[in-house]
Protein backbone atom coordinates (compact mmCIF):
# COMPACT_ATOMS: atom_id res chain seq x y z
CA UNK A 1 19.27 58.70 -23.59
CA UNK A 2 15.79 58.78 -21.97
CA UNK A 3 14.18 58.13 -25.36
CA UNK A 4 16.46 55.13 -25.94
CA UNK A 5 15.60 53.70 -22.49
CA UNK A 6 11.86 54.27 -23.01
CA UNK A 7 12.04 52.64 -26.43
CA UNK A 8 13.84 49.65 -24.96
CA UNK A 9 11.25 49.35 -22.21
CA UNK A 10 8.47 49.46 -24.79
CA UNK A 11 10.10 46.63 -26.74
CA UNK A 12 10.49 44.56 -23.57
CA UNK A 13 6.84 45.19 -22.65
CA UNK A 14 5.70 44.12 -26.11
CA UNK A 15 7.83 40.95 -25.88
CA UNK A 16 6.38 40.23 -22.42
CA UNK A 17 2.79 40.68 -23.63
CA UNK A 18 3.48 38.45 -26.60
CA UNK A 19 4.94 35.80 -24.31
CA UNK A 20 1.85 35.93 -22.11
CA UNK A 21 -0.28 35.12 -25.15
CA UNK A 22 1.60 31.94 -26.07
CA UNK A 23 -0.01 29.48 -23.64
CA UNK A 24 -2.92 29.12 -21.21
CA UNK A 25 -2.40 29.81 -17.51
CA UNK A 26 -1.84 26.73 -15.38
CA UNK A 27 -4.98 24.88 -14.25
CA UNK A 28 -7.30 26.57 -16.74
CA UNK A 29 -9.60 24.96 -19.30
CA UNK A 30 -12.39 25.90 -21.70
CA UNK A 31 -16.01 25.61 -20.64
CA UNK A 32 -17.21 22.29 -22.17
CA UNK A 33 -20.26 23.68 -24.00
CA UNK A 34 -18.59 26.63 -25.74
CA UNK A 35 -15.26 26.53 -27.53
CA UNK A 36 -12.90 29.50 -27.45
CA UNK A 37 -12.58 32.06 -30.21
CA UNK A 38 -9.91 30.89 -32.65
CA UNK A 39 -6.40 31.88 -31.59
CA UNK A 40 -7.35 33.05 -28.08
CA UNK A 41 -5.27 32.24 -25.01
CA UNK A 42 -6.53 31.90 -21.42
CA UNK A 43 -4.87 34.54 -19.26
CA UNK A 44 -7.03 34.18 -16.13
CA UNK A 45 -9.37 31.46 -14.83
CA UNK A 46 -11.69 31.08 -11.85
CA UNK A 47 -14.25 28.45 -10.86
CA UNK A 48 -16.70 28.59 -7.94
CA UNK A 49 -18.95 25.71 -6.93
CA UNK A 50 -21.73 28.05 -5.78
CA UNK A 51 -22.07 31.82 -5.73
CA UNK A 52 -24.36 34.60 -6.89
CA UNK A 53 -24.06 36.33 -10.23
CA UNK A 54 -25.65 39.51 -11.56
CA UNK A 55 -26.92 39.40 -15.13
CA UNK A 56 -27.56 42.67 -16.96
CA UNK A 57 -30.96 43.53 -18.44
CA UNK A 58 -32.67 46.52 -19.98
CA UNK A 59 -35.66 47.98 -18.15
CA UNK A 60 -37.38 51.03 -19.63
CA UNK A 61 -34.31 51.50 -21.84
CA UNK A 62 -32.07 51.69 -18.77
CA UNK A 63 -29.55 49.17 -17.50
CA UNK A 64 -30.82 46.93 -14.73
CA UNK A 65 -29.69 43.63 -13.24
CA UNK A 66 -31.05 40.46 -11.72
CA UNK A 67 -29.44 37.73 -9.65
CA UNK A 68 -28.89 34.10 -10.57
CA UNK A 69 -27.18 31.58 -8.29
CA UNK A 70 -25.17 28.51 -9.13
CA UNK A 71 -21.84 27.12 -10.29
CA UNK A 72 -19.78 29.86 -11.93
CA UNK A 73 -16.82 29.61 -14.30
CA UNK A 74 -15.01 32.76 -15.42
CA UNK A 75 -12.41 32.62 -18.18
CA UNK A 76 -10.52 35.62 -19.56
CA UNK A 77 -9.09 35.17 -23.02
CA UNK A 78 -6.61 37.38 -24.84
CA UNK A 79 -7.13 37.37 -28.60
CA UNK A 80 -4.84 38.42 -31.43
CA UNK A 81 -4.35 42.10 -32.19
CA UNK A 82 -5.71 41.83 -35.73
CA UNK A 83 -9.08 40.55 -34.44
CA UNK A 84 -11.90 43.02 -33.77
CA UNK A 85 -14.47 43.25 -30.99
CA UNK A 86 -17.27 42.98 -33.55
CA UNK A 87 -15.76 39.88 -35.17
CA UNK A 88 -15.42 38.09 -31.82
CA UNK A 89 -18.90 39.16 -30.73
CA UNK A 90 -20.52 37.85 -33.94
CA UNK A 91 -18.59 34.59 -33.60
CA UNK A 92 -19.96 33.97 -30.10
CA UNK A 93 -23.45 35.04 -31.17
CA UNK A 94 -23.45 32.63 -34.11
CA UNK A 95 -22.01 29.73 -32.11
CA UNK A 96 -24.52 30.12 -29.29
CA UNK A 97 -27.49 30.36 -31.66
CA UNK A 98 -26.30 27.30 -33.57
CA UNK A 99 -26.17 25.34 -30.30
CA UNK A 100 -29.72 26.24 -29.34
CA UNK A 101 -29.06 29.10 -26.90
CA UNK A 102 -31.58 31.91 -26.67
CA UNK A 103 -30.02 35.37 -26.87
CA UNK A 104 -31.23 37.42 -23.88
CA UNK A 105 -29.36 40.70 -24.33
CA UNK A 106 -26.85 42.31 -26.67
CA UNK A 107 -25.19 45.63 -25.86
CA UNK A 108 -22.65 47.83 -27.61
CA UNK A 109 -22.08 51.55 -28.12
CA UNK A 110 -25.05 51.81 -30.48
CA UNK A 111 -27.64 50.89 -27.84
CA UNK A 112 -25.88 51.44 -24.53
CA UNK A 113 -24.83 54.90 -23.46
CA UNK A 114 -22.56 53.92 -20.59
CA UNK A 115 -19.05 52.56 -20.32
CA UNK A 116 -19.77 48.92 -19.47
CA UNK A 117 -16.25 48.24 -18.22
CA UNK A 118 -16.75 50.85 -15.54
CA UNK A 119 -20.26 49.65 -14.70
CA UNK A 120 -19.43 45.94 -14.59
CA UNK A 121 -16.15 46.07 -12.73
CA UNK A 122 -16.19 49.14 -10.48
CA UNK A 123 -19.75 50.45 -10.71
CA UNK A 124 -23.22 49.74 -9.41
CA UNK A 125 -23.77 46.56 -11.44
CA UNK A 126 -20.66 44.67 -10.45
CA UNK A 127 -21.94 42.71 -7.44
CA UNK A 128 -19.80 39.59 -7.27
CA UNK A 129 -18.98 39.99 -10.95
CA UNK A 130 -16.17 42.38 -10.04
CA UNK A 131 -12.65 41.18 -10.78
CA UNK A 132 -10.97 41.63 -7.41
CA UNK A 133 -8.25 39.03 -7.78
CA UNK A 134 -4.77 40.52 -8.23
CA UNK A 135 -4.11 38.20 -11.16
CA UNK A 136 -7.28 39.11 -13.03
CA UNK A 137 -7.23 41.46 -15.98
CA UNK A 138 -9.04 44.76 -15.73
CA UNK A 139 -10.52 46.03 -19.02
CA UNK A 140 -9.70 49.60 -19.96
CA UNK A 141 -12.13 51.97 -18.19
CA UNK A 142 -11.80 54.57 -20.93
CA UNK A 143 -14.66 54.81 -23.41
CA UNK A 144 -13.87 52.38 -26.19
CA UNK A 145 -15.32 49.63 -28.31
CA UNK A 146 -17.14 46.90 -26.40
CA UNK A 147 -19.82 44.26 -26.80
CA UNK A 148 -21.89 42.36 -24.21
CA UNK A 149 -23.80 39.19 -24.97
CA UNK A 150 -25.98 37.12 -22.61
CA UNK A 151 -27.61 33.83 -23.63
CA UNK A 152 -29.51 30.98 -21.97
CA UNK A 153 -30.28 27.31 -22.63
CA UNK A 154 -31.91 24.54 -20.59
CA UNK A 155 -29.86 21.33 -20.62
CA UNK A 156 -30.99 18.22 -18.75
CA UNK A 157 -33.48 20.35 -16.83
CA UNK A 158 -30.82 22.86 -15.73
CA UNK A 159 -30.57 26.49 -16.91
CA UNK A 160 -27.17 27.41 -18.33
CA UNK A 161 -26.32 31.09 -18.84
CA UNK A 162 -23.41 32.28 -20.97
CA UNK A 163 -22.11 35.85 -20.82
CA UNK A 164 -19.39 37.15 -23.13
CA UNK A 165 -18.01 40.67 -22.65
CA UNK A 166 -15.45 41.80 -25.21
CA UNK A 167 -13.32 44.94 -25.05
CA UNK A 168 -10.33 46.19 -26.99
CA UNK A 169 -7.32 47.47 -25.08
CA UNK A 170 -3.91 46.79 -26.65
CA UNK A 171 -5.53 43.55 -27.84
CA UNK A 172 -9.08 42.14 -27.64
CA UNK A 173 -9.91 40.89 -24.13
CA UNK A 174 -12.78 38.42 -23.73
CA UNK A 175 -14.37 37.92 -20.31
CA UNK A 176 -16.39 34.71 -20.59
CA UNK A 177 -18.77 33.68 -17.79
CA UNK A 178 -20.74 30.43 -17.58
CA UNK A 179 -23.38 30.10 -14.86
CA UNK A 180 -24.99 26.71 -14.24
CA UNK A 181 -28.06 27.42 -12.11
CA UNK A 182 -28.51 25.08 -9.15
CA UNK A 183 -29.79 25.22 -5.58
CA UNK A 184 -27.48 25.53 -2.62
CA UNK A 185 -26.37 22.05 -1.64
CA UNK A 186 -27.28 20.87 1.85
CA UNK A 187 -23.80 19.55 2.51
CA UNK A 188 -21.92 21.17 5.36
CA UNK A 189 -19.11 23.59 4.65
CA UNK A 190 -15.57 22.33 5.12
CA UNK A 191 -12.42 23.98 6.38
CA UNK A 192 -11.28 24.16 2.75
CA UNK A 193 -14.55 25.93 1.81
CA UNK A 194 -13.94 28.52 4.52
CA UNK A 195 -10.33 28.95 3.39
CA UNK A 196 -11.26 29.42 -0.26
CA UNK A 197 -14.25 31.73 0.20
CA UNK A 198 -12.64 33.97 2.80
CA UNK A 199 -9.47 34.26 0.71
CA UNK A 200 -11.43 35.02 -2.49
CA UNK A 201 -14.40 37.04 -1.19
CA UNK A 202 -13.48 38.02 2.35
CA UNK A 203 -16.53 36.22 3.76
CA UNK A 204 -18.39 32.92 4.01
CA UNK A 205 -22.12 32.37 4.53
CA UNK A 206 -23.04 29.59 6.98
CA UNK A 207 -26.53 28.09 6.68
CA UNK A 208 -26.25 25.28 9.24
CA UNK A 209 -26.38 27.25 12.48
CA UNK A 210 -29.97 26.85 13.63
CA UNK A 211 -32.19 28.85 15.99
CA UNK A 212 -35.85 28.69 16.89
CA UNK A 213 -37.96 31.44 15.28
CA UNK A 214 -37.37 34.76 17.01
CA UNK A 215 -34.79 33.32 19.42
CA UNK A 216 -30.99 33.36 19.75
CA UNK A 217 -30.34 30.04 21.51
CA UNK A 218 -28.23 27.78 19.28
CA UNK A 219 -29.91 24.43 18.58
CA UNK A 220 -27.96 21.16 19.12
CA UNK A 221 -27.97 20.24 15.41
CA UNK A 222 -25.64 23.22 14.80
CA UNK A 223 -22.72 21.53 16.57
CA UNK A 224 -21.23 19.84 13.51
CA UNK A 225 -20.73 23.07 11.55
CA UNK A 226 -19.51 24.89 14.68
CA UNK A 227 -16.83 22.18 15.01
CA UNK A 228 -15.67 23.04 11.50
CA UNK A 229 -15.65 26.79 12.18
CA UNK A 230 -13.65 26.27 15.36
CA UNK A 231 -11.13 24.11 13.51
CA UNK A 232 -10.70 26.86 10.91
CA UNK A 233 -10.26 29.58 13.55
CA UNK A 234 -7.62 27.55 15.40
CA UNK A 235 -5.52 27.36 12.24
CA UNK A 236 -5.79 31.13 11.66
CA UNK A 237 -4.96 32.48 15.10
CA UNK A 238 -3.31 35.62 13.73
CA UNK A 239 -6.48 36.70 11.88
CA UNK A 240 -9.59 38.40 13.24
CA UNK A 241 -13.15 37.96 12.03
CA UNK A 242 -16.60 39.48 12.27
CA UNK A 243 -19.40 37.04 13.06
CA UNK A 244 -22.42 38.65 11.39
CA UNK A 245 -26.03 37.65 11.98
CA UNK A 246 -28.63 38.04 9.19
CA UNK A 247 -32.41 37.63 9.20
CA UNK A 248 -35.16 37.70 6.58
CA UNK A 249 -37.50 40.70 6.37
CA UNK A 250 -40.45 39.13 8.21
CA UNK A 251 -41.56 41.09 11.27
CA UNK A 252 -40.41 44.35 12.80
CA UNK A 253 -37.19 45.83 11.41
CA UNK A 254 -35.77 46.91 14.78
CA UNK A 255 -36.59 43.54 16.31
CA UNK A 256 -34.74 41.80 13.46
CA UNK A 257 -31.70 44.01 13.97
CA UNK A 258 -31.63 43.14 17.68
CA UNK A 259 -32.18 39.44 16.93
CA UNK A 260 -29.39 39.25 14.33
CA UNK A 261 -26.89 40.77 16.80
CA UNK A 262 -28.05 38.45 19.58
CA UNK A 263 -27.54 35.41 17.34
CA UNK A 264 -24.06 36.59 16.32
CA UNK A 265 -23.17 37.07 20.00
CA UNK A 266 -24.49 33.59 20.74
CA UNK A 267 -22.18 32.10 18.10
CA UNK A 268 -19.18 34.00 19.43
CA UNK A 269 -20.02 32.94 23.00
CA UNK A 270 -20.44 29.30 21.97
CA UNK A 271 -17.08 29.22 20.15
CA UNK A 272 -15.29 30.83 23.09
CA UNK A 273 -16.95 28.68 25.77
CA UNK A 274 -16.84 25.30 24.01
CA UNK A 275 -13.68 25.43 21.90
CA UNK A 276 -11.43 27.84 23.75
CA UNK A 277 -11.41 30.39 20.89
CA UNK A 278 -9.87 33.71 21.98
CA UNK A 279 -12.69 36.26 22.30
CA UNK A 280 -10.32 38.92 20.87
CA UNK A 281 -10.31 37.02 17.57
CA UNK A 282 -14.04 37.56 17.02
CA UNK A 283 -16.47 40.49 17.00
CA UNK A 284 -20.25 40.03 16.79
CA UNK A 285 -22.33 42.22 14.44
CA UNK A 286 -25.95 42.19 13.36
CA UNK A 287 -27.18 43.26 9.90
CA UNK A 288 -30.78 42.12 10.30
CA UNK A 289 -32.54 42.05 6.89
CA UNK A 290 -30.33 44.75 5.31
CA UNK A 291 -28.01 42.47 3.30
CA UNK A 292 -30.11 39.69 1.72
CA UNK A 293 -28.49 37.11 -0.54
CA UNK A 294 -31.65 36.91 -2.62
CA UNK A 295 -35.29 38.06 -2.69
CA UNK A 296 -37.41 37.62 0.44
CA UNK A 297 -40.50 37.07 -1.71
CA UNK A 298 -40.44 33.27 -1.34
CA UNK A 299 -39.97 30.79 1.52
CA UNK A 300 -36.81 29.50 -0.17
CA UNK A 301 -35.40 33.01 -0.46
CA UNK A 302 -36.17 33.86 3.18
CA UNK A 303 -34.55 30.61 4.30
CA UNK A 304 -31.40 31.46 2.35
CA UNK A 305 -31.26 34.97 3.84
CA UNK A 306 -31.38 33.66 7.43
CA UNK A 307 -27.73 32.93 8.03
CA UNK A 308 -24.52 33.71 9.89
CA UNK A 309 -21.50 35.00 8.00
CA UNK A 310 -17.82 34.90 8.85
CA UNK A 311 -16.17 38.05 7.52
CA UNK A 312 -12.45 38.82 7.56
CA UNK A 313 -11.63 41.96 9.52
């Protein structure tokens, strides 16, 4: 009897998987510059207006990574069972070359001695590349066939990166990433931005709370973004948040740690005193220069790293 039940369950699972492959998930679409592999179906889709992305590289024959920032689209396609990882990989390679993309890196089992699924999604290289969403598809972490392809092209003065990572579980799974490099827009965050980023990533960086150098007194031009933060907090009264101060790496480390905490406390105090936010809803923390968004080697990078973050508790 158990064998009959297990066999029936297997048939139902196969029917369910087949049904999932019949149409794209709601709200998804192909990236305009690169068409999908023939016969593939979109099973998961995500778009972010601005975030960081970690691109793999080889340094001294070892895997390394570097960060690029911009507009990110991630599409996960399921292909047909009779298609191979190598066939899909060569198709993307050919299409990208024919459209003027420069191939930056190609990895497979012949030149990469690690399980990329494990490294990209649960290991040291994942960064924000990790697939944390409950609806996303996790490639098989067992050693198996895989291929990784990264390419780049400049279009209208803007760098476009394409990353295709193909694995073979019960069927070929294609994780397709498109990164359109662009600077952080100066527009203020909105309540919807806070909602989306905290739901997706558990945090939101705020770059429009201003302080004089080395001080923790909030400047008047910060009021507009503090209004938005207060509005968000008042619609999420049952949730608690860390307010985390960050600095660049200029100056003494201990002084920066003290300063980042003082600035976070100033933000908490301002929200409580001016908007009636419950002090129990917020906790101030200071990370100093220990969690940069990007390199501190340039003025632009240091400016980006000086920020306040709202983090879900």
